[in-house]
């Protein structure tokens, strides 16, 4: 089984190349340094997903069903071996395990980030996507608890462009591109004190909800 990127069909079978490219290096950093699992993902070009499904619901933004996940703690060699089986795959991080993600519009997210830093609130990794979204990494459980948190904070009936990504969701990680739109970038990269233990969503939610409501 293979997948197509830029018109070139790349197969699972064939010689395995022990590459040390940006993808394998990033995977080794995420697994070895930050303790995150990584899933090889599809890519997209001109809106067409490399999975080959013309009706794909998430072009270039979902795991490859035939590829093995790289577990937390994998070394550079293990990451390179895994990525040699799926050359060109995007780097996807599964949410709901060591982190959930609060996803907001980019402009509101950037403004909220500045405000949070001025207030001295604890922050985990923060990414920005080419789709115009800011993604705040928070402790697991945020997705399941978001409706209740918003209710208790008085934002349950507000029209907020705010969602939480939890178990079963994946986020595209730097240096990969998202759906052929361009690369995902870190606004605040992972660090030893934030990657393994991101802050609880409730510590950030008030500021995020306030900024999103005003935006």
C-alpha atoms as a PDB file:
ATOM      1  CA  UNK A   1       0.000   0.000   0.000  1.00  0.00           C
ATOM      2  CA  UNK A   2       1.323   3.427  -0.796  1.00  0.00           C
ATOM      3  CA  UNK A   3       0.431   7.075  -0.802  1.00  0.00           C
ATOM      4  CA  UNK A   4       0.898   9.867  -3.262  1.00  0.00           C
ATOM      5  CA  UNK A   5       2.625  13.175  -2.599  1.00  0.00           C
ATOM      6  CA  UNK A   6       3.104  15.678  -5.393  1.00  0.00           C
ATOM      7  CA  UNK A   7       2.272  13.078  -8.017  1.00  0.00           C
ATOM      8  CA  UNK A   8       4.931  10.617  -6.836  1.00  0.00           C
ATOM      9  CA  UNK A   9       3.722   7.329  -5.425  1.00  0.00           C
ATOM     10  CA  UNK A  10       5.763   6.213  -2.425  1.00  0.00           C
ATOM     11  CA  UNK A  11       5.407   2.617  -1.281  1.00  0.00           C
ATOM     12  CA  UNK A  12       5.628   1.025   2.134  1.00  0.00           C
ATOM     13  CA  UNK A  13       7.715  -1.786   0.701  1.00  0.00           C
ATOM     14  CA  UNK A  14      11.187  -1.507  -0.770  1.00  0.00           C
ATOM     15  CA  UNK A  15      14.550  -0.597   0.767  1.00  0.00           C
ATOM     16  CA  UNK A  16      14.383   1.220   4.072  1.00  0.00           C
ATOM     17  CA  UNK A  17      16.517   4.315   4.179  1.00  0.00           C
ATOM     18  CA  UNK A  18      17.859   5.326   7.580  1.00  0.00           C
ATOM     19  CA  UNK A  19      17.403   9.026   6.964  1.00  0.00           C
ATOM     20  CA  UNK A  20      18.274  11.818   9.342  1.00  0.00           C
ATOM     21  CA  UNK A  21      16.041  14.444   7.766  1.00  0.00           C
ATOM     22  CA  UNK A  22      14.038  17.146   9.482  1.00  0.00           C
ATOM     23  CA  UNK A  23      11.049  14.848   9.877  1.00  0.00           C
ATOM     24  CA  UNK A  24      12.941  12.076  11.694  1.00  0.00           C
ATOM     25  CA  UNK A  25      14.797  14.596  13.844  1.00  0.00           C
ATOM     26  CA  UNK A  26      11.557  16.312  14.851  1.00  0.00           C
ATOM     27  CA  UNK A  27       9.933  12.959  15.630  1.00  0.00           C
ATOM     28  CA  UNK A  28      12.887  11.969  17.834  1.00  0.00           C
ATOM     29  CA  UNK A  29      12.628  15.294  19.675  1.00  0.00           C
ATOM     30  CA  UNK A  30       8.900  14.895  20.295  1.00  0.00           C
ATOM     31  CA  UNK A  31       9.213  11.291  21.452  1.00  0.00           C
ATOM     32  CA  UNK A  32      12.593  11.345  23.167  1.00  0.00           C
ATOM     33  CA  UNK A  33      12.638  14.797  24.767  1.00  0.00           C
ATOM     34  CA  UNK A  34       8.981  15.593  25.331  1.00  0.00           C
ATOM     35  CA  UNK A  35       7.486  12.125  25.800  1.00  0.00           C
ATOM     36  CA  UNK A  36       4.855  12.453  23.090  1.00  0.00           C
ATOM     37  CA  UNK A  37       3.724   9.770  20.658  1.00  0.00           C
ATOM     38  CA  UNK A  38       3.899  10.650  16.961  1.00  0.00           C
ATOM     39  CA  UNK A  39       1.710   9.326  14.149  1.00  0.00           C
ATOM     40  CA  UNK A  40       2.806   9.478  10.489  1.00  0.00           C
ATOM     41  CA  UNK A  41       0.212  11.518   8.657  1.00  0.00           C
ATOM     42  CA  UNK A  42      -1.105  12.099   5.163  1.00  0.00           C
ATOM     43  CA  UNK A  43      -0.110  15.097   3.088  1.00  0.00           C
ATOM     44  CA  UNK A  44      -2.125  17.183   0.665  1.00  0.00           C
ATOM     45  CA  UNK A  45      -1.428  19.120  -2.509  1.00  0.00           C
ATOM     46  CA  UNK A  46      -3.995  21.334  -4.249  1.00  0.00           C
ATOM     47  CA  UNK A  47      -6.614  20.035  -1.849  1.00  0.00           C
ATOM     48  CA  UNK A  48      -6.001  16.397  -2.805  1.00  0.00           C
ATOM     49  CA  UNK A  49      -5.086  14.060   0.046  1.00  0.00           C
ATOM     50  CA  UNK A  50      -2.248  11.578  -0.310  1.00  0.00           C
ATOM     51  CA  UNK A  51      -4.503   8.841   1.111  1.00  0.00           C
ATOM     52  CA  UNK A  52      -6.132   8.589  -2.320  1.00  0.00           C
ATOM     53  CA  UNK A  53      -9.691   9.077  -1.057  1.00  0.00           C
ATOM     54  CA  UNK A  54     -11.404  11.676  -3.247  1.00  0.00           C
ATOM     55  CA  UNK A  55     -13.929  12.262  -0.473  1.00  0.00           C
ATOM     56  CA  UNK A  56     -11.363  12.565   2.334  1.00  0.00           C
ATOM     57  CA  UNK A  57     -12.847  14.608   5.184  1.00  0.00           C
ATOM     58  CA  UNK A  58      -9.470  15.924   6.392  1.00  0.00           C
ATOM     59  CA  UNK A  59      -7.076  16.197   3.421  1.00  0.00           C
ATOM     60  CA  UNK A  60      -3.495  16.069   4.619  1.00  0.00           C
ATOM     61  CA  UNK A  61      -4.470  16.137   8.286  1.00  0.00           C
ATOM     62  CA  UNK A  62      -5.087  12.554   9.401  1.00  0.00           C
ATOM     63  CA  UNK A  63      -2.929   9.531  10.280  1.00  0.00           C
ATOM     64  CA  UNK A  64      -1.965   7.012   7.628  1.00  0.00           C
ATOM     65  CA  UNK A  65      -3.948   3.899   8.420  1.00  0.00           C
ATOM     66  CA  UNK A  66      -1.108   1.549   7.451  1.00  0.00           C
ATOM     67  CA  UNK A  67       1.718   3.309   9.319  1.00  0.00           C
ATOM     68  CA  UNK A  68       2.906   2.474  12.796  1.00  0.00           C
ATOM     69  CA  UNK A  69       2.876   5.084  15.524  1.00  0.00           C
ATOM     70  CA  UNK A  70       6.221   6.069  17.027  1.00  0.00           C
ATOM     71  CA  UNK A  71       5.921   5.643  20.814  1.00  0.00           C
ATOM     72  CA  UNK A  72       7.081   8.051  23.521  1.00  0.00           C
ATOM     73  CA  UNK A  73      10.764   7.594  24.324  1.00  0.00           C
ATOM     74  CA  UNK A  74      11.790   6.544  20.799  1.00  0.00           C
ATOM     75  CA  UNK A  75      15.396   7.369  19.919  1.00  0.00           C
ATOM     76  CA  UNK A  76      16.629   9.134  16.795  1.00  0.00           C
ATOM     77  CA  UNK A  77      17.461   5.763  15.268  1.00  0.00           C
ATOM     78  CA  UNK A  78      13.985   4.394  15.967  1.00  0.00           C
ATOM     79  CA  UNK A  79      12.383   7.555  14.586  1.00  0.00           C
ATOM     80  CA  UNK A  80      14.519   7.406  11.454  1.00  0.00           C
ATOM     81  CA  UNK A  81      13.626   3.747  10.897  1.00  0.00           C
ATOM     82  CA  UNK A  82       9.924   4.471  11.289  1.00  0.00           C
ATOM     83  CA  UNK A  83      10.026   7.519   9.000  1.00  0.00           C
ATOM     84  CA  UNK A  84      11.988   5.601   6.341  1.00  0.00           C
ATOM     85  CA  UNK A  85       8.879   3.434   5.922  1.00  0.00           C
ATOM     86  CA  UNK A  86       6.701   6.483   5.126  1.00  0.00           C
ATOM     87  CA  UNK A  87       8.924   9.045   3.349  1.00  0.00           C
ATOM     88  CA  UNK A  88       7.212  12.393   3.081  1.00  0.00           C
ATOM     89  CA  UNK A  89       4.698  11.731   5.864  1.00  0.00           C
ATOM     90  CA  UNK A  90       3.592  14.630   8.042  1.00  0.00           C
ATOM     91  CA  UNK A  91       4.196  14.679  11.780  1.00  0.00           C
ATOM     92  CA  UNK A  92       0.964  14.299  13.766  1.00  0.00           C
ATOM     93  CA  UNK A  93       0.604  14.418  17.545  1.00  0.00           C
ATOM     94  CA  UNK A  94      -2.295  12.516  19.153  1.00  0.00           C
ATOM     95  CA  UNK A  95      -4.267  14.617  21.620  1.00  0.00           C
ATOM     96  CA  UNK A  96      -5.931  13.265  24.728  1.00  0.00           C
ATOM     97  CA  UNK A  97      -2.918  11.463  26.175  1.00  0.00           C
ATOM     98  CA  UNK A  98      -0.287  13.835  27.575  1.00  0.00           C
ATOM     99  CA  UNK A  99      -2.104  16.939  26.414  1.00  0.00           C
ATOM    100  CA  UNK A 100      -5.322  18.355  24.987  1.00  0.00           C
ATOM    101  CA  UNK A 101      -5.425  21.437  22.765  1.00  0.00           C
ATOM    102  CA  UNK A 102      -7.461  24.633  23.006  1.00  0.00           C
ATOM    103  CA  UNK A 103      -7.916  25.891  19.452  1.00  0.00           C
ATOM    104  CA  UNK A 104      -8.868  29.526  18.723  1.00  0.00           C
ATOM    105  CA  UNK A 105      -8.621  32.026  15.871  1.00  0.00           C
ATOM    106  CA  UNK A 106      -5.030  33.148  15.356  1.00  0.00           C
ATOM    107  CA  UNK A 107      -5.547  36.857  16.016  1.00  0.00           C
ATOM    108  CA  UNK A 108      -7.465  36.218  19.221  1.00  0.00           C
ATOM    109  CA  UNK A 109      -4.951  33.575  20.283  1.00  0.00           C
ATOM    110  CA  UNK A 110      -1.966  35.864  19.781  1.00  0.00           C
ATOM    111  CA  UNK A 111      -3.659  38.617  21.735  1.00  0.00           C
ATOM    112  CA  UNK A 112      -4.578  36.204  24.525  1.00  0.00           C
ATOM    113  CA  UNK A 113      -1.019  34.864  24.626  1.00  0.00           C
ATOM    114  CA  UNK A 114       0.397  38.343  25.233  1.00  0.00           C
ATOM    115  CA  UNK A 115      -2.166  38.979  27.943  1.00  0.00           C
ATOM    116  CA  UNK A 116      -1.458  35.643  29.646  1.00  0.00           C
ATOM    117  CA  UNK A 117       2.280  36.273  29.672  1.00  0.00           C
ATOM    118  CA  UNK A 118       1.770  39.717  31.213  1.00  0.00           C
ATOM    119  CA  UNK A 119      -0.430  38.138  33.882  1.00  0.00           C
ATOM    120  CA  UNK A 120       2.194  35.500  34.592  1.00  0.00           C
ATOM    121  CA  UNK A 121      -0.118  32.597  33.830  1.00  0.00           C
ATOM    122  CA  UNK A 122       1.557  29.223  33.269  1.00  0.00           C
ATOM    123  CA  UNK A 123       1.697  28.306  29.601  1.00  0.00           C
ATOM    124  CA  UNK A 124       2.404  25.116  27.742  1.00  0.00           C
ATOM    125  CA  UNK A 125       3.477  24.865  24.113  1.00  0.00           C
ATOM    126  CA  UNK A 126       1.601  27.132  21.713  1.00  0.00           C
ATOM    127  CA  UNK A 127       1.455  26.589  17.940  1.00  0.00           C
ATOM    128  CA  UNK A 128       0.052  28.604  15.050  1.00  0.00           C
ATOM    129  CA  UNK A 129      -1.292  26.967  11.897  1.00  0.00           C
ATOM    130  CA  UNK A 130      -1.500  28.212   8.303  1.00  0.00           C
ATOM    131  CA  UNK A 131      -5.270  27.820   8.594  1.00  0.00           C
ATOM    132  CA  UNK A 132      -5.290  30.845  10.905  1.00  0.00           C
ATOM    133  CA  UNK A 133      -5.603  29.048  14.241  1.00  0.00           C
ATOM    134  CA  UNK A 134      -3.653  29.271  17.492  1.00  0.00           C
ATOM    135  CA  UNK A 135      -3.348  26.059  19.485  1.00  0.00           C
ATOM    136  CA  UNK A 136      -2.652  26.057  23.234  1.00  0.00           C
ATOM    137  CA  UNK A 137      -1.442  22.749  24.682  1.00  0.00           C
ATOM    138  CA  UNK A 138      -3.110  22.087  28.031  1.00  0.00           C
ATOM    139  CA  UNK A 139      -3.504  19.171  30.422  1.00  0.00           C
ATOM    140  CA  UNK A 140      -5.531  16.165  29.220  1.00  0.00           C
ATOM    141  CA  UNK A 141      -9.230  16.261  29.987  1.00  0.00           C
ATOM    142  CA  UNK A 142      -9.871  19.754  28.624  1.00  0.00           C
ATOM    143  CA  UNK A 143     -11.952  18.502  25.694  1.00  0.00           C
ATOM    144  CA  UNK A 144     -14.280  16.492  27.905  1.00  0.00           C
ATOM    145  CA  UNK A 145     -14.475  19.212  30.539  1.00  0.00           C
ATOM    146  CA  UNK A 146     -14.778  22.280  28.310  1.00  0.00           C
ATOM    147  CA  UNK A 147     -18.595  22.600  28.307  1.00  0.00           C
ATOM    148  CA  UNK A 148     -18.722  22.360  32.091  1.00  0.00           C
ATOM    149  CA  UNK A 149     -15.847  24.795  32.542  1.00  0.00           C
ATOM    150  CA  UNK A 150     -17.462  27.341  30.251  1.00  0.00           C
ATOM    151  CA  UNK A 151     -20.768  26.943  32.100  1.00  0.00           C
ATOM    152  CA  UNK A 152     -19.199  27.512  35.500  1.00  0.00           C
ATOM    153  CA  UNK A 153     -17.353  30.567  34.184  1.00  0.00           C
ATOM    154  CA  UNK A 154     -20.519  32.045  32.665  1.00  0.00           C
ATOM    155  CA  UNK A 155     -19.516  31.608  29.022  1.00  0.00           C
ATOM    156  CA  UNK A 156     -21.770  28.659  28.195  1.00  0.00           C
ATOM    157  CA  UNK A 157     -24.164  30.686  26.044  1.00  0.00           C
ATOM    158  CA  UNK A 158     -21.520  32.853  24.369  1.00  0.00           C
ATOM    159  CA  UNK A 159     -20.758  32.515  20.669  1.00  0.00           C
ATOM    160  CA  UNK A 160     -17.072  31.652  21.101  1.00  0.00           C
ATOM    161  CA  UNK A 161     -14.757  30.544  18.314  1.00  0.00           C
ATOM    162  CA  UNK A 162     -13.092  28.180  20.771  1.00  0.00           C
ATOM    163  CA  UNK A 163     -12.878  24.415  20.726  1.00  0.00           C
ATOM    164  CA  UNK A 164     -10.933  21.725  22.520  1.00  0.00           C
ATOM    165  CA  UNK A 165      -9.228  18.775  20.844  1.00  0.00           C
ATOM    166  CA  UNK A 166      -8.954  15.635  22.928  1.00  0.00           C
ATOM    167  CA  UNK A 167      -8.810  11.873  22.626  1.00  0.00           C
ATOM    168  CA  UNK A 168      -9.200  10.765  19.017  1.00  0.00           C
ATOM    169  CA  UNK A 169      -7.962  14.079  17.587  1.00  0.00           C
ATOM    170  CA  UNK A 170      -4.577  14.816  16.025  1.00  0.00           C
ATOM    171  CA  UNK A 171      -2.679  18.056  15.549  1.00  0.00           C
ATOM    172  CA  UNK A 172      -0.090  18.682  12.860  1.00  0.00           C
ATOM    173  CA  UNK A 173       3.253  19.574  14.407  1.00  0.00           C
ATOM    174  CA  UNK A 174       6.194  21.626  13.097  1.00  0.00           C
ATOM    175  CA  UNK A 175       7.940  21.332  10.713  1.00  0.00           C
ATOM    176  CA  UNK A 176       5.089  19.689   8.778  1.00  0.00           C
ATOM    177  CA  UNK A 177       2.619  21.557   6.610  1.00  0.00           C
ATOM    178  CA  UNK A 178      -1.100  21.408   7.279  1.00  0.00           C
ATOM    179  CA  UNK A 179      -3.233  20.209   4.399  1.00  0.00           C
ATOM    180  CA  UNK A 180      -0.903  21.750   1.817  1.00  0.00           C
ATOM    181  CA  UNK A 181      -1.515  25.255   3.190  1.00  0.00           C
ATOM    182  CA  UNK A 182       1.943  25.775   4.653  1.00  0.00           C
ATOM    183  CA  UNK A 183       3.955  24.838   7.734  1.00  0.00           C
ATOM    184  CA  UNK A 184       2.773  24.818  11.325  1.00  0.00           C
ATOM    185  CA  UNK A 185       5.033  26.907  13.579  1.00  0.00           C
ATOM    186  CA  UNK A 186       5.671  27.166  17.293  1.00  0.00           C
ATOM    187  CA  UNK A 187       4.831  30.464  18.965  1.00  0.00           C
ATOM    188  CA  UNK A 188       6.050  28.962  22.245  1.00  0.00           C
ATOM    189  CA  UNK A 189       7.975  25.731  21.683  1.00  0.00           C
ATOM    190  CA  UNK A 190       7.891  22.796  24.083  1.00  0.00           C
ATOM    191  CA  UNK A 191      10.157  23.008  27.117  1.00  0.00           C
ATOM    192  CA  UNK A 192      11.038  20.472  29.826  1.00  0.00           C
ATOM    193  CA  UNK A 193       8.710  22.054  32.379  1.00  0.00           C
ATOM    194  CA  UNK A 194       5.716  22.411  30.042  1.00  0.00           C
ATOM    195  CA  UNK A 195       5.737  19.500  27.589  1.00  0.00           C
ATOM    196  CA  UNK A 196       5.123  16.715  30.104  1.00  0.00           C
ATOM    197  CA  UNK A 197       2.910  18.772  32.424  1.00  0.00           C
ATOM    198  CA  UNK A 198       1.016  21.472  30.519  1.00  0.00           C
ATOM    199  CA  UNK A 199      -1.264  23.743  32.555  1.00  0.00           C
ATOM    200  CA  UNK A 200      -4.852  22.961  33.377  1.00  0.00           C
ATOM    201  CA  UNK A 201      -7.300  24.466  30.889  1.00  0.00           C
ATOM    202  CA  UNK A 202      -9.136  26.354  33.629  1.00  0.00           C
ATOM    203  CA  UNK A 203      -6.034  28.479  34.273  1.00  0.00           C
ATOM    204  CA  UNK A 204      -6.192  29.868  30.727  1.00  0.00           C
ATOM    205  CA  UNK A 205      -9.826  29.566  29.798  1.00  0.00           C
ATOM    206  CA  UNK A 206     -11.052  32.809  31.315  1.00  0.00           C
ATOM    207  CA  UNK A 207      -8.590  34.895  29.310  1.00  0.00           C
ATOM    208  CA  UNK A 208      -9.178  32.907  26.125  1.00  0.00           C
ATOM    209  CA  UNK A 209     -12.956  33.142  26.434  1.00  0.00           C
ATOM    210  CA  UNK A 210     -12.803  36.889  27.171  1.00  0.00           C
ATOM    211  CA  UNK A 211     -10.554  37.613  24.167  1.00  0.00           C
ATOM    212  CA  UNK A 212     -12.547  35.326  21.836  1.00  0.00           C
ATOM    213  CA  UNK A 213     -15.809  36.993  22.923  1.00  0.00           C
ATOM    214  CA  UNK A 214     -14.448  40.468  22.219  1.00  0.00           C
ATOM    215  CA  UNK A 215     -12.791  39.531  18.931  1.00  0.00           C
END
